PDB file of N, CA and C in Angstrom:
ATOM      1  N   UNK A   1      16.784 164.483 164.434  1.00  0.00           N
ATOM      2  CA  UNK A   1      17.198 164.804 163.079  1.00  0.00           C
ATOM      3  C   UNK A   1      16.535 163.806 162.125  1.00  0.00           C
ATOM      4  N   UNK A   2      15.963 164.303 161.061  1.00  0.00           N
ATOM      5  CA  UNK A   2      15.339 163.463 160.040  1.00  0.00           C
ATOM      6  C   UNK A   2      16.345 163.261 158.909  1.00  0.00           C
ATOM      7  N   UNK A   3      16.648 161.985 158.620  1.00  0.00           N
ATOM      8  CA  UNK A   3      17.679 161.635 157.649  1.00  0.00           C
ATOM      9  C   UNK A   3      17.048 160.845 156.506  1.00  0.00           C
ATOM     10  N   UNK A   4      17.407 161.172 155.276  1.00  0.00           N
ATOM     11  CA  UNK A   4      16.925 160.435 154.108  1.00  0.00           C
ATOM     12  C   UNK A   4      18.110 159.714 153.462  1.00  0.00           C
ATOM     13  N   UNK A   5      17.864 158.446 153.084  1.00  0.00           N
ATOM     14  CA  UNK A   5      18.937 157.595 152.573  1.00  0.00           C
ATOM     15  C   UNK A   5      18.413 156.800 151.375  1.00  0.00           C
ATOM     16  N   UNK A   6      19.103 156.813 150.231  1.00  0.00           N
ATOM     17  CA  UNK A   6      18.660 156.010 149.092  1.00  0.00           C
ATOM     18  C   UNK A   6      18.891 154.523 149.352  1.00  0.00           C
ATOM     19  N   UNK A   7      17.864 153.702 149.080  1.00  0.00           N
ATOM     20  CA  UNK A   7      17.969 152.260 149.334  1.00  0.00           C
ATOM     21  C   UNK A   7      17.372 151.473 148.168  1.00  0.00           C
ATOM     22  N   UNK A   8      17.800 150.207 148.055  1.00  0.00           N
ATOM     23  CA  UNK A   8      17.320 149.329 146.990  1.00  0.00           C
ATOM     24  C   UNK A   8      15.989 148.663 147.311  1.00  0.00           C
ATOM     25  N   UNK A   9      15.690 148.476 148.581  1.00  0.00           N
ATOM     26  CA  UNK A   9      14.481 147.772 149.003  1.00  0.00           C
ATOM     27  C   UNK A   9      13.814 148.535 150.142  1.00  0.00           C
ATOM     28  N   UNK A  10      12.513 148.356 150.277  1.00  0.00           N
ATOM     29  CA  UNK A  10      11.776 148.962 151.385  1.00  0.00           C
ATOM     30  C   UNK A  10      11.868 148.031 152.595  1.00  0.00           C
ATOM     31  N   UNK A  11      13.073 147.906 153.129  1.00  0.00           N
ATOM     32  CA  UNK A  11      13.349 147.012 154.246  1.00  0.00           C
ATOM     33  C   UNK A  11      14.371 147.669 155.171  1.00  0.00           C
ATOM     34  N   UNK A  12      14.187 147.580 156.485  1.00  0.00           N
ATOM     35  CA  UNK A  12      15.147 148.194 157.407  1.00  0.00           C
ATOM     36  C   UNK A  12      16.542 147.590 157.328  1.00  0.00           C
ATOM     37  N   UNK A  13      16.656 146.383 156.782  1.00  0.00           N
ATOM     38  CA  UNK A  13      17.958 145.722 156.698  1.00  0.00           C
ATOM     39  C   UNK A  13      18.679 145.960 155.380  1.00  0.00           C
ATOM     40  N   UNK A  14      18.105 146.761 154.499  1.00  0.00           N
ATOM     41  CA  UNK A  14      18.723 146.999 153.205  1.00  0.00           C
ATOM     42  C   UNK A  14      19.913 147.941 153.331  1.00  0.00           C
ATOM     43  N   UNK A  15      20.860 147.751 152.422  1.00  0.00           N
ATOM     44  CA  UNK A  15      22.023 148.629 152.396  1.00  0.00           C
ATOM     45  C   UNK A  15      21.724 149.912 151.643  1.00  0.00           C
ATOM     46  N   UNK A  16      22.671 150.818 151.664  1.00  0.00           N
ATOM     47  CA  UNK A  16      22.538 152.095 150.957  1.00  0.00           C
ATOM     48  C   UNK A  16      22.733 151.850 149.468  1.00  0.00           C
ATOM     49  N   UNK A  17      21.837 152.377 148.653  1.00  0.00           N
ATOM     50  CA  UNK A  17      21.932 152.234 147.194  1.00  0.00           C
ATOM     51  C   UNK A  17      23.079 153.108 146.683  1.00  0.00           C
ATOM     52  N   UNK A  18      23.887 152.593 145.753  1.00  0.00           N
ATOM     53  CA  UNK A  18      25.003 153.395 145.236  1.00  0.00           C
ATOM     54  C   UNK A  18      24.565 154.580 144.380  1.00  0.00           C
ATOM     55  N   UNK A  19      23.323 154.578 143.920  1.00  0.00           N
ATOM     56  CA  UNK A  19      22.825 155.673 143.078  1.00  0.00           C
ATOM     57  C   UNK A  19      21.750 156.454 143.812  1.00  0.00           C
ATOM     58  N   UNK A  20      21.995 157.709 144.087  1.00  0.00           N
ATOM     59  CA  UNK A  20      20.996 158.556 144.740  1.00  0.00           C
ATOM     60  C   UNK A  20      19.799 158.780 143.823  1.00  0.00           C
ATOM     61  N   UNK A  21      20.036 159.262 142.616  1.00  0.00           N
ATOM     62  CA  UNK A  21      18.957 159.631 141.705  1.00  0.00           C
ATOM     63  C   UNK A  21      18.121 158.469 141.225  1.00  0.00           C
ATOM     64  N   UNK A  22      18.711 157.294 141.087  1.00  0.00           N
ATOM     65  CA  UNK A  22      18.012 156.120 140.545  1.00  0.00           C
ATOM     66  C   UNK A  22      17.648 155.083 141.607  1.00  0.00           C
ATOM     67  N   UNK A  23      17.856 155.380 142.864  1.00  0.00           N
ATOM     68  CA  UNK A  23      17.466 154.448 143.933  1.00  0.00           C
ATOM     69  C   UNK A  23      15.959 154.239 143.873  1.00  0.00           C
ATOM     70  N   UNK A  24      15.493 153.000 144.005  1.00  0.00           N
ATOM     71  CA  UNK A  24      14.051 152.761 143.956  1.00  0.00           C
ATOM     72  C   UNK A  24      13.281 153.403 145.121  1.00  0.00           C
ATOM     73  N   UNK A  25      13.928 153.452 146.295  1.00  0.00           N
ATOM     74  CA  UNK A  25      13.263 153.971 147.492  1.00  0.00           C
ATOM     75  C   UNK A  25      14.197 154.884 148.275  1.00  0.00           C
ATOM     76  N   UNK A  26      13.581 155.638 149.156  1.00  0.00           N
ATOM     77  CA  UNK A  26      14.307 156.386 150.168  1.00  0.00           C
ATOM     78  C   UNK A  26      13.844 155.901 151.532  1.00  0.00           C
ATOM     79  N   UNK A  27      14.778 155.734 152.433  1.00  0.00           N
ATOM     80  CA  UNK A  27      14.465 155.456 153.829  1.00  0.00           C
ATOM     81  C   UNK A  27      14.509 156.784 154.567  1.00  0.00           C
ATOM     82  N   UNK A  28      13.426 157.121 155.240  1.00  0.00           N
ATOM     83  CA  UNK A  28      13.373 158.311 156.087  1.00  0.00           C
ATOM     84  C   UNK A  28      13.545 157.826 157.519  1.00  0.00           C
ATOM     85  N   UNK A  29      14.670 158.172 158.101  1.00  0.00           N
ATOM     86  CA  UNK A  29      15.013 157.689 159.439  1.00  0.00           C
ATOM     87  C   UNK A  29      14.954 158.843 160.430  1.00  0.00           C
ATOM     88  N   UNK A  30      14.314 158.572 161.564  1.00  0.00           N
ATOM     89  CA  UNK A  30      14.242 159.589 162.611  1.00  0.00           C
ATOM     90  C   UNK A  30      14.040 158.894 163.950  1.00  0.00           C
ATOM     91  N   UNK A  31      14.960 159.123 164.863  1.00  0.00           N
ATOM     92  CA  UNK A  31      14.833 158.573 166.208  1.00  0.00           C
ATOM     93  C   UNK A  31      14.722 157.057 166.263  1.00  0.00           C
ATOM     94  N   UNK A  32      15.403 156.352 165.382  1.00  0.00           N
ATOM     95  CA  UNK A  32      15.383 154.899 165.385  1.00  0.00           C
ATOM     96  C   UNK A  32      14.251 154.283 164.583  1.00  0.00           C
ATOM     97  N   UNK A  33      13.297 155.094 164.110  1.00  0.00           N
ATOM     98  CA  UNK A  33      12.217 154.559 163.272  1.00  0.00           C
ATOM     99  C   UNK A  33      12.531 154.851 161.808  1.00  0.00           C
ATOM    100  N   UNK A  34      11.904 154.081 160.929  1.00  0.00           N
ATOM    101  CA  UNK A  34      12.154 154.249 159.502  1.00  0.00           C
ATOM    102  C   UNK A  34      10.846 154.132 158.732  1.00  0.00           C
ATOM    103  N   UNK A  35      10.719 154.968 157.716  1.00  0.00           N
ATOM    104  CA  UNK A  35       9.579 154.966 156.805  1.00  0.00           C
ATOM    105  C   UNK A  35      10.170 154.941 155.405  1.00  0.00           C
ATOM    106  N   UNK A  36       9.517 154.278 154.467  1.00  0.00           N
ATOM    107  CA  UNK A  36      10.023 154.188 153.105  1.00  0.00           C
ATOM    108  C   UNK A  36       9.104 154.926 152.151  1.00  0.00           C
ATOM    109  N   UNK A  37       9.722 155.677 151.231  1.00  0.00           N
ATOM    110  CA  UNK A  37       8.954 156.350 150.181  1.00  0.00           C
ATOM    111  C   UNK A  37       9.580 155.996 148.834  1.00  0.00           C
ATOM    112  N   UNK A  38       8.754 155.975 147.808  1.00  0.00           N
ATOM    113  CA  UNK A  38       9.262 155.708 146.473  1.00  0.00           C
ATOM    114  C   UNK A  38       9.981 156.934 145.950  1.00  0.00           C
ATOM    115  N   UNK A  39      11.036 156.711 145.201  1.00  0.00           N
ATOM    116  CA  UNK A  39      11.820 157.788 144.605  1.00  0.00           C
ATOM    117  C   UNK A  39      11.236 158.103 143.232  1.00  0.00           C
ATOM    118  N   UNK A  40      10.710 159.306 143.022  1.00  0.00           N
ATOM    119  CA  UNK A  40      10.154 159.654 141.718  1.00  0.00           C
ATOM    120  C   UNK A  40      11.209 159.744 140.613  1.00  0.00           C
ATOM    121  N   UNK A  41      12.464 159.832 140.979  1.00  0.00           N
ATOM    122  CA  UNK A  41      13.539 159.894 139.994  1.00  0.00           C
ATOM    123  C   UNK A  41      13.933 158.539 139.448  1.00  0.00           C
ATOM    124  N   UNK A  42      13.555 157.471 140.138  1.00  0.00           N
ATOM    125  CA  UNK A  42      13.996 156.124 139.762  1.00  0.00           C
ATOM    126  C   UNK A  42      13.627 155.752 138.339  1.00  0.00           C
ATOM    127  N   UNK A  43      12.431 156.105 137.898  1.00  0.00           N
ATOM    128  CA  UNK A  43      11.959 155.730 136.560  1.00  0.00           C
ATOM    129  C   UNK A  43      11.949 156.903 135.587  1.00  0.00           C
ATOM    130  N   UNK A  44      12.504 158.032 135.990  1.00  0.00           N
ATOM    131  CA  UNK A  44      12.495 159.217 135.135  1.00  0.00           C
ATOM    132  C   UNK A  44      13.382 159.012 133.919  1.00  0.00           C
ATOM    133  N   UNK A  45      12.931 159.498 132.772  1.00  0.00           N
ATOM    134  CA  UNK A  45      13.751 159.405 131.557  1.00  0.00           C
ATOM    135  C   UNK A  45      14.947 160.336 131.640  1.00  0.00           C
ATOM    136  N   UNK A  46      14.784 161.445 132.287  1.00  0.00           N
ATOM    137  CA  UNK A  46      15.867 162.412 132.465  1.00  0.00           C
ATOM    138  C   UNK A  46      15.635 163.185 133.743  1.00  0.00           C
ATOM    139  N   UNK A  47      16.665 163.799 134.244  1.00  0.00           N
ATOM    140  CA  UNK A  47      16.548 164.604 135.454  1.00  0.00           C
ATOM    141  C   UNK A  47      16.299 163.802 136.711  1.00  0.00           C
ATOM    142  N   UNK A  48      16.776 162.564 136.739  1.00  0.00           N
ATOM    143  CA  UNK A  48      16.540 161.690 137.896  1.00  0.00           C
ATOM    144  C   UNK A  48      17.076 162.308 139.186  1.00  0.00           C
ATOM    145  N   UNK A  49      18.277 162.843 139.131  1.00  0.00           N
ATOM    146  CA  UNK A  49      18.873 163.438 140.322  1.00  0.00           C
ATOM    147  C   UNK A  49      18.094 164.629 140.833  1.00  0.00           C
ATOM    148  N   UNK A  50      17.616 165.455 139.914  1.00  0.00           N
ATOM    149  CA  UNK A  50      16.832 166.623 140.314  1.00  0.00           C
ATOM    150  C   UNK A  50      15.515 166.202 140.952  1.00  0.00           C
ATOM    151  N   UNK A  51      14.843 165.207 140.358  1.00  0.00           N
ATOM    152  CA  UNK A  51      13.578 164.718 140.913  1.00  0.00           C
ATOM    153  C   UNK A  51      13.806 164.081 142.282  1.00  0.00           C
ATOM    154  N   UNK A  52      14.868 163.321 142.402  1.00  0.00           N
ATOM    155  CA  UNK A  52      15.193 162.698 143.680  1.00  0.00           C
ATOM    156  C   UNK A  52      15.515 163.767 144.731  1.00  0.00           C
ATOM    157  N   UNK A  53      16.273 164.766 144.346  1.00  0.00           N
ATOM    158  CA  UNK A  53      16.645 165.834 145.278  1.00  0.00           C
ATOM    159  C   UNK A  53      15.417 166.613 145.741  1.00  0.00           C
ATOM    160  N   UNK A  54      14.499 166.876 144.828  1.00  0.00           N
ATOM    161  CA  UNK A  54      13.283 167.599 145.200  1.00  0.00           C
ATOM    162  C   UNK A  54      12.442 166.763 146.158  1.00  0.00           C
ATOM    163  N   UNK A  55      12.348 165.451 145.903  1.00  0.00           N
ATOM    164  CA  UNK A  55      11.616 164.561 146.808  1.00  0.00           C
ATOM    165  C   UNK A  55      12.270 164.536 148.187  1.00  0.00           C
ATOM    166  N   UNK A  56      13.595 164.507 148.219  1.00  0.00           N
ATOM    167  CA  UNK A  56      14.316 164.516 149.492  1.00  0.00           C
ATOM    168  C   UNK A  56      14.042 165.821 150.246  1.00  0.00           C
ATOM    169  N   UNK A  57      14.073 166.929 149.539  1.00  0.00           N
ATOM    170  CA  UNK A  57      13.803 168.225 150.160  1.00  0.00           C
ATOM    171  C   UNK A  57      12.360 168.294 150.654  1.00  0.00           C
ATOM    172  N   UNK A  58      11.425 167.795 149.845  1.00  0.00           N
ATOM    173  CA  UNK A  58      10.007 167.821 150.211  1.00  0.00           C
ATOM    174  C   UNK A  58       9.684 166.916 151.397  1.00  0.00           C
ATOM    175  N   UNK A  59      10.533 165.936 151.656  1.00  0.00           N
ATOM    176  CA  UNK A  59      10.298 164.999 152.761  1.00  0.00           C
ATOM    177  C   UNK A  59      10.490 165.657 154.129  1.00  0.00           C
ATOM    178  N   UNK A  60      11.129 166.812 154.138  1.00  0.00           N
ATOM    179  CA  UNK A  60      11.419 167.482 155.399  1.00  0.00           C
ATOM    180  C   UNK A  60      12.709 167.017 156.044  1.00  0.00           C
ATOM    181  N   UNK A  61      13.513 166.258 155.289  1.00  0.00           N
ATOM    182  CA  UNK A  61      14.775 165.747 155.828  1.00  0.00           C
ATOM    183  C   UNK A  61      15.738 166.887 156.136  1.00  0.00           C
ATOM    184  N   UNK A  62      16.498 166.689 157.185  1.00  0.00           N
ATOM    185  CA  UNK A  62      17.557 167.633 157.558  1.00  0.00           C
ATOM    186  C   UNK A  62      18.873 167.255 156.896  1.00  0.00           C
ATOM    187  N   UNK A  63      19.006 165.957 156.558  1.00  0.00           N
ATOM    188  CA  UNK A  63      20.267 165.451 156.012  1.00  0.00           C
ATOM    189  C   UNK A  63      20.009 164.311 155.040  1.00  0.00           C
ATOM    190  N   UNK A  64      20.899 164.201 154.063  1.00  0.00           N
ATOM    191  CA  UNK A  64      20.938 163.087 153.121  1.00  0.00           C
ATOM    192  C   UNK A  64      22.230 162.331 153.372  1.00  0.00           C
ATOM    193  N   UNK A  65      22.151 161.000 153.419  1.00  0.00           N
ATOM    194  CA  UNK A  65      23.332 160.152 153.524  1.00  0.00           C
ATOM    195  C   UNK A  65      23.375 159.317 152.259  1.00  0.00           C
ATOM    196  N   UNK A  66      24.452 159.462 151.476  1.00  0.00           N
ATOM    197  CA  UNK A  66      24.548 158.805 150.176  1.00  0.00           C
ATOM    198  C   UNK A  66      26.015 158.596 149.819  1.00  0.00           C
ATOM    199  N   UNK A  67      26.312 157.596 148.969  1.00  0.00           N
ATOM    200  CA  UNK A  67      27.711 157.405 148.573  1.00  0.00           C
ATOM    201  C   UNK A  67      28.209 158.487 147.616  1.00  0.00           C
ATOM    202  N   UNK A  68      27.288 159.025 146.811  1.00  0.00           N
ATOM    203  CA  UNK A  68      27.667 160.077 145.849  1.00  0.00           C
ATOM    204  C   UNK A  68      26.429 160.862 145.466  1.00  0.00           C
ATOM    205  N   UNK A  69      26.675 162.026 144.854  1.00  0.00           N
ATOM    206  CA  UNK A  69      25.575 162.913 144.489  1.00  0.00           C
ATOM    207  C   UNK A  69      26.048 163.804 143.344  1.00  0.00           C
ATOM    208  N   UNK A  70      25.159 164.075 142.410  1.00  0.00           N
ATOM    209  CA  UNK A  70      25.480 164.960 141.293  1.00  0.00           C
ATOM    210  C   UNK A  70      25.411 166.428 141.693  1.00  0.00           C
ATOM    211  N   UNK A  71      26.066 167.259 140.912  1.00  0.00           N
ATOM    212  CA  UNK A  71      26.125 168.697 141.202  1.00  0.00           C
ATOM    213  C   UNK A  71      24.743 169.348 141.219  1.00  0.00           C
ATOM    214  N   UNK A  72      23.902 169.039 140.219  1.00  0.00           N
ATOM    215  CA  UNK A  72      22.579 169.667 140.152  1.00  0.00           C
ATOM    216  C   UNK A  72      21.716 169.273 141.347  1.00  0.00           C
ATOM    217  N   UNK A  73      21.743 168.001 141.699  1.00  0.00           N
ATOM    218  CA  UNK A  73      20.986 167.541 142.864  1.00  0.00           C
ATOM    219  C   UNK A  73      21.517 168.215 144.134  1.00  0.00           C
ATOM    220  N   UNK A  74      22.823 168.329 144.250  1.00  0.00           N
ATOM    221  CA  UNK A  74      23.425 168.968 145.426  1.00  0.00           C
ATOM    222  C   UNK A  74      22.975 170.416 145.557  1.00  0.00           C
ATOM    223  N   UNK A  75      22.848 171.109 144.437  1.00  0.00           N
ATOM    224  CA  UNK A  75      22.390 172.500 144.479  1.00  0.00           C
ATOM    225  C   UNK A  75      20.962 172.592 145.010  1.00  0.00           C
ATOM    226  N   UNK A  76      20.091 171.686 144.575  1.00  0.00           N
ATOM    227  CA  UNK A  76      18.709 171.660 145.065  1.00  0.00           C
ATOM    228  C   UNK A  76      18.688 171.398 146.562  1.00  0.00           C
ATOM    229  N   UNK A  77      19.471 170.425 146.997  1.00  0.00           N
ATOM    230  CA  UNK A  77      19.508 170.069 148.416  1.00  0.00           C
ATOM    231  C   UNK A  77      20.075 171.199 149.263  1.00  0.00           C
ATOM    232  N   UNK A  78      21.134 171.819 148.787  1.00  0.00           N
ATOM    233  CA  UNK A  78      21.717 172.933 149.539  1.00  0.00           C
ATOM    234  C   UNK A  78      20.740 174.093 149.654  1.00  0.00           C
ATOM    235  N   UNK A  79      20.011 174.376 148.572  1.00  0.00           N
ATOM    236  CA  UNK A  79      19.025 175.456 148.597  1.00  0.00           C
ATOM    237  C   UNK A  79      17.921 175.166 149.619  1.00  0.00           C
ATOM    238  N   UNK A  80      17.620 173.890 149.818  1.00  0.00           N
ATOM    239  CA  UNK A  80      16.606 173.473 150.785  1.00  0.00           C
ATOM    240  C   UNK A  80      17.202 173.266 152.180  1.00  0.00           C
ATOM    241  N   UNK A  81      18.485 173.569 152.333  1.00  0.00           N
ATOM    242  CA  UNK A  81      19.209 173.437 153.600  1.00  0.00           C
ATOM    243  C   UNK A  81      19.250 171.995 154.113  1.00  0.00           C
ATOM    244  N   UNK A  82      19.378 171.057 153.163  1.00  0.00           N
ATOM    245  CA  UNK A  82      19.566 169.644 153.499  1.00  0.00           C
ATOM    246  C   UNK A  82      21.065 169.367 153.403  1.00  0.00           C
ATOM    247  N   UNK A  83      21.678 168.998 154.510  1.00  0.00           N
ATOM    248  CA  UNK A  83      23.110 168.693 154.500  1.00  0.00           C
ATOM    249  C   UNK A  83      23.329 167.321 153.879  1.00  0.00           C
ATOM    250  N   UNK A  84      24.464 167.150 153.211  1.00  0.00           N
ATOM    251  CA  UNK A  84      24.768 165.910 152.499  1.00  0.00           C
ATOM    252  C   UNK A  84      25.993 165.255 153.143  1.00  0.00           C
ATOM    253  N   UNK A  85      25.831 163.970 153.497  1.00  0.00           N
ATOM    254  CA  UNK A  85      26.900 163.228 154.147  1.00  0.00           C
ATOM    255  C   UNK A  85      27.245 161.976 153.352  1.00  0.00           C
ATOM    256  N   UNK A  86      28.497 161.560 153.459  1.00  0.00           N
ATOM    257  CA  UNK A  86      29.009 160.377 152.761  1.00  0.00           C
ATOM    258  C   UNK A  86      28.656 159.130 153.557  1.00  0.00           C
ATOM    259  N   UNK A  87      27.965 158.196 152.893  1.00  0.00           N
ATOM    260  CA  UNK A  87      27.607 156.939 153.561  1.00  0.00           C
ATOM    261  C   UNK A  87      28.831 156.051 153.695  1.00  0.00           C
ATOM    262  N   UNK A  88      28.660 154.998 154.489  1.00  0.00           N
ATOM    263  CA  UNK A  88      29.699 153.984 154.631  1.00  0.00           C
ATOM    264  C   UNK A  88      29.005 152.627 154.511  1.00  0.00           C
ATOM    265  N   UNK A  89      29.754 151.552 154.345  1.00  0.00           N
ATOM    266  CA  UNK A  89      29.123 150.231 154.230  1.00  0.00           C
ATOM    267  C   UNK A  89      28.228 149.938 155.437  1.00  0.00           C
ATOM    268  N   UNK A  90      27.087 149.330 155.155  1.00  0.00           N
ATOM    269  CA  UNK A  90      26.149 148.992 156.223  1.00  0.00           C
ATOM    270  C   UNK A  90      24.732 149.291 155.790  1.00  0.00           C
ATOM    271  N   UNK A  91      23.797 149.073 156.679  1.00  0.00           N
ATOM    272  CA  UNK A  91      22.390 149.297 156.376  1.00  0.00           C
ATOM    273  C   UNK A  91      22.051 150.784 156.481  1.00  0.00           C
ATOM    274  N   UNK A  92      20.864 151.104 156.007  1.00  0.00           N
ATOM    275  CA  UNK A  92      20.385 152.486 156.118  1.00  0.00           C
ATOM    276  C   UNK A  92      20.302 152.896 157.588  1.00  0.00           C
ATOM    277  N   UNK A  93      19.771 152.021 158.429  1.00  0.00           N
ATOM    278  CA  UNK A  93      19.654 152.352 159.855  1.00  0.00           C
ATOM    279  C   UNK A  93      21.015 152.524 160.519  1.00  0.00           C
ATOM    280  N   UNK A  94      21.986 151.694 160.130  1.00  0.00           N
ATOM    281  CA  UNK A  94      23.336 151.842 160.680  1.00  0.00           C
ATOM    282  C   UNK A  94      23.944 153.178 160.264  1.00  0.00           C
ATOM    283  N   UNK A  95      23.697 153.594 159.021  1.00  0.00           N
ATOM    284  CA  UNK A  95      24.210 154.876 158.557  1.00  0.00           C
ATOM    285  C   UNK A  95      23.513 156.038 159.255  1.00  0.00           C
ATOM    286  N   UNK A  96      22.216 155.918 159.490  1.00  0.00           N
ATOM    287  CA  UNK A  96      21.498 156.970 160.217  1.00  0.00           C
ATOM    288  C   UNK A  96      22.052 157.095 161.638  1.00  0.00           C
ATOM    289  N   UNK A  97      22.309 155.963 162.283  1.00  0.00           N
ATOM    290  CA  UNK A  97      22.877 155.981 163.638  1.00  0.00           C
ATOM    291  C   UNK A  97      24.290 156.575 163.634  1.00  0.00           C
ATOM    292  N   UNK A  98      25.073 156.249 162.603  1.00  0.00           N
ATOM    293  CA  UNK A  98      26.428 156.797 162.500  1.00  0.00           C
ATOM    294  C   UNK A  98      26.392 158.317 162.343  1.00  0.00           C
ATOM    295  N   UNK A  99      25.430 158.807 161.572  1.00  0.00           N
ATOM    296  CA  UNK A  99      25.292 160.259 161.417  1.00  0.00           C
ATOM    297  C   UNK A  99      24.923 160.900 162.750  1.00  0.00           C
ATOM    298  N   UNK A 100      23.954 160.316 163.432  1.00  0.00           N
ATOM    299  CA  UNK A 100      23.533 160.842 164.743  1.00  0.00           C
ATOM    300  C   UNK A 100      24.703 160.887 165.723  1.00  0.00           C
ATOM    301  N   UNK A 101      25.615 159.911 165.606  1.00  0.00           N
ATOM    302  CA  UNK A 101      26.779 159.835 166.496  1.00  0.00           C
ATOM    303  C   UNK A 101      27.918 160.740 166.038  1.00  0.00           C
ATOM    304  N   UNK A 102      27.729 161.435 164.917  1.00  0.00           N
ATOM    305  CA  UNK A 102      28.759 162.337 164.409  1.00  0.00           C
ATOM    306  C   UNK A 102      29.910 161.626 163.728  1.00  0.00           C
ATOM    307  N   UNK A 103      29.659 160.411 163.218  1.00  0.00           N
ATOM    308  CA  UNK A 103      30.724 159.604 162.629  1.00  0.00           C
ATOM    309  C   UNK A 103      30.840 159.713 161.109  1.00  0.00           C
ATOM    310  N   UNK A 104      29.925 160.400 160.448  1.00  0.00           N
ATOM    311  CA  UNK A 104      29.989 160.518 158.992  1.00  0.00           C
ATOM    312  C   UNK A 104      30.508 161.890 158.587  1.00  0.00           C
ATOM    313  N   UNK A 105      31.254 161.906 157.486  1.00  0.00           N
ATOM    314  CA  UNK A 105      31.801 163.159 156.975  1.00  0.00           C
ATOM    315  C   UNK A 105      30.837 163.794 155.981  1.00  0.00           C
ATOM    316  N   UNK A 106      30.861 165.116 155.945  1.00  0.00           N
ATOM    317  CA  UNK A 106      30.055 165.819 154.964  1.00  0.00           C
ATOM    318  C   UNK A 106      30.603 165.516 153.567  1.00  0.00           C
ATOM    319  N   UNK A 107      29.719 165.316 152.615  1.00  0.00           N
ATOM    320  CA  UNK A 107      30.115 165.072 151.233  1.00  0.00           C
ATOM    321  C   UNK A 107      30.390 166.426 150.584  1.00  0.00           C
ATOM    322  N   UNK A 108      31.581 166.593 150.054  1.00  0.00           N
ATOM    323  CA  UNK A 108      31.963 167.893 149.481  1.00  0.00           C
ATOM    324  C   UNK A 108      32.304 167.818 147.999  1.00  0.00           C
ATOM    325  N   UNK A 109      32.457 166.594 147.472  1.00  0.00           N
ATOM    326  CA  UNK A 109      32.785 166.440 146.051  1.00  0.00           C
ATOM    327  C   UNK A 109      31.574 165.861 145.340  1.00  0.00           C
ATOM    328  N   UNK A 110      31.146 166.533 144.285  1.00  0.00           N
ATOM    329  CA  UNK A 110      29.951 166.135 143.556  1.00  0.00           C
ATOM    330  C   UNK A 110      30.313 165.894 142.097  1.00  0.00           C
ATOM    331  N   UNK A 111      29.719 164.848 141.523  1.00  0.00           N
ATOM    332  CA  UNK A 111      30.022 164.525 140.125  1.00  0.00           C
ATOM    333  C   UNK A 111      29.123 165.338 139.194  1.00  0.00           C
ATOM    334  N   UNK A 112      29.467 165.381 137.928  1.00  0.00           N
ATOM    335  CA  UNK A 112      28.735 166.177 136.952  1.00  0.00           C
ATOM    336  C   UNK A 112      27.399 165.545 136.571  1.00  0.00           C
ATOM    337  N   UNK A 113      27.123 164.351 137.016  1.00  0.00           N
ATOM    338  CA  UNK A 113      25.865 163.679 136.682  1.00  0.00           C
ATOM    339  C   UNK A 113      26.095 162.657 135.585  1.00  0.00           C
ATOM    340  N   UNK A 114      25.090 161.864 135.367  1.00  0.00           N
ATOM    341  CA  UNK A 114      25.164 160.813 134.363  1.00  0.00           C
ATOM    342  C   UNK A 114      24.139 161.096 133.273  1.00  0.00           C
ATOM    343  N   UNK A 115      24.238 162.241 132.692  1.00  0.00           N
ATOM    344  CA  UNK A 115      23.280 162.690 131.678  1.00  0.00           C
ATOM    345  C   UNK A 115      23.211 161.723 130.516  1.00  0.00           C
ATOM    346  N   UNK A 116      21.984 161.277 130.224  1.00  0.00           N
ATOM    347  CA  UNK A 116      21.782 160.389 129.093  1.00  0.00           C
ATOM    348  C   UNK A 116      22.061 158.932 129.380  1.00  0.00           C
ATOM    349  N   UNK A 117      22.441 158.629 130.614  1.00  0.00           N
ATOM    350  CA  UNK A 117      22.732 157.237 130.988  1.00  0.00           C
ATOM    351  C   UNK A 117      21.596 156.752 131.883  1.00  0.00           C
ATOM    352  N   UNK A 118      20.987 155.667 131.508  1.00  0.00           N
ATOM    353  CA  UNK A 118      19.872 155.137 132.307  1.00  0.00           C
ATOM    354  C   UNK A 118      20.385 154.267 133.429  1.00  0.00           C
TER     355      UNK A 118
END
């Protein structure tokens, strides 16, 4: 399973970023390995969540692990058949392993977004 996780740093020891749309990087985790990509939504003036969601979908990820997600981004991810799971405290790799072990819950509540807030 290929998992994408928003992170603050391009480091395997970094924790999960609290903001999906504005996270500087995404960790792409698969089978214990990790690759980092820049989030095009991080510096966007508007539509950060949508840009981040499209990048996540384009990455080929099967799942997103994040603390929260906006409604518009969730719609993009669902349309791309990317499942969304609620992260827990720990590193990106720990969260990817927790998902693989079936320990994370699907995220079902989405916020309206932070329109106009940088």
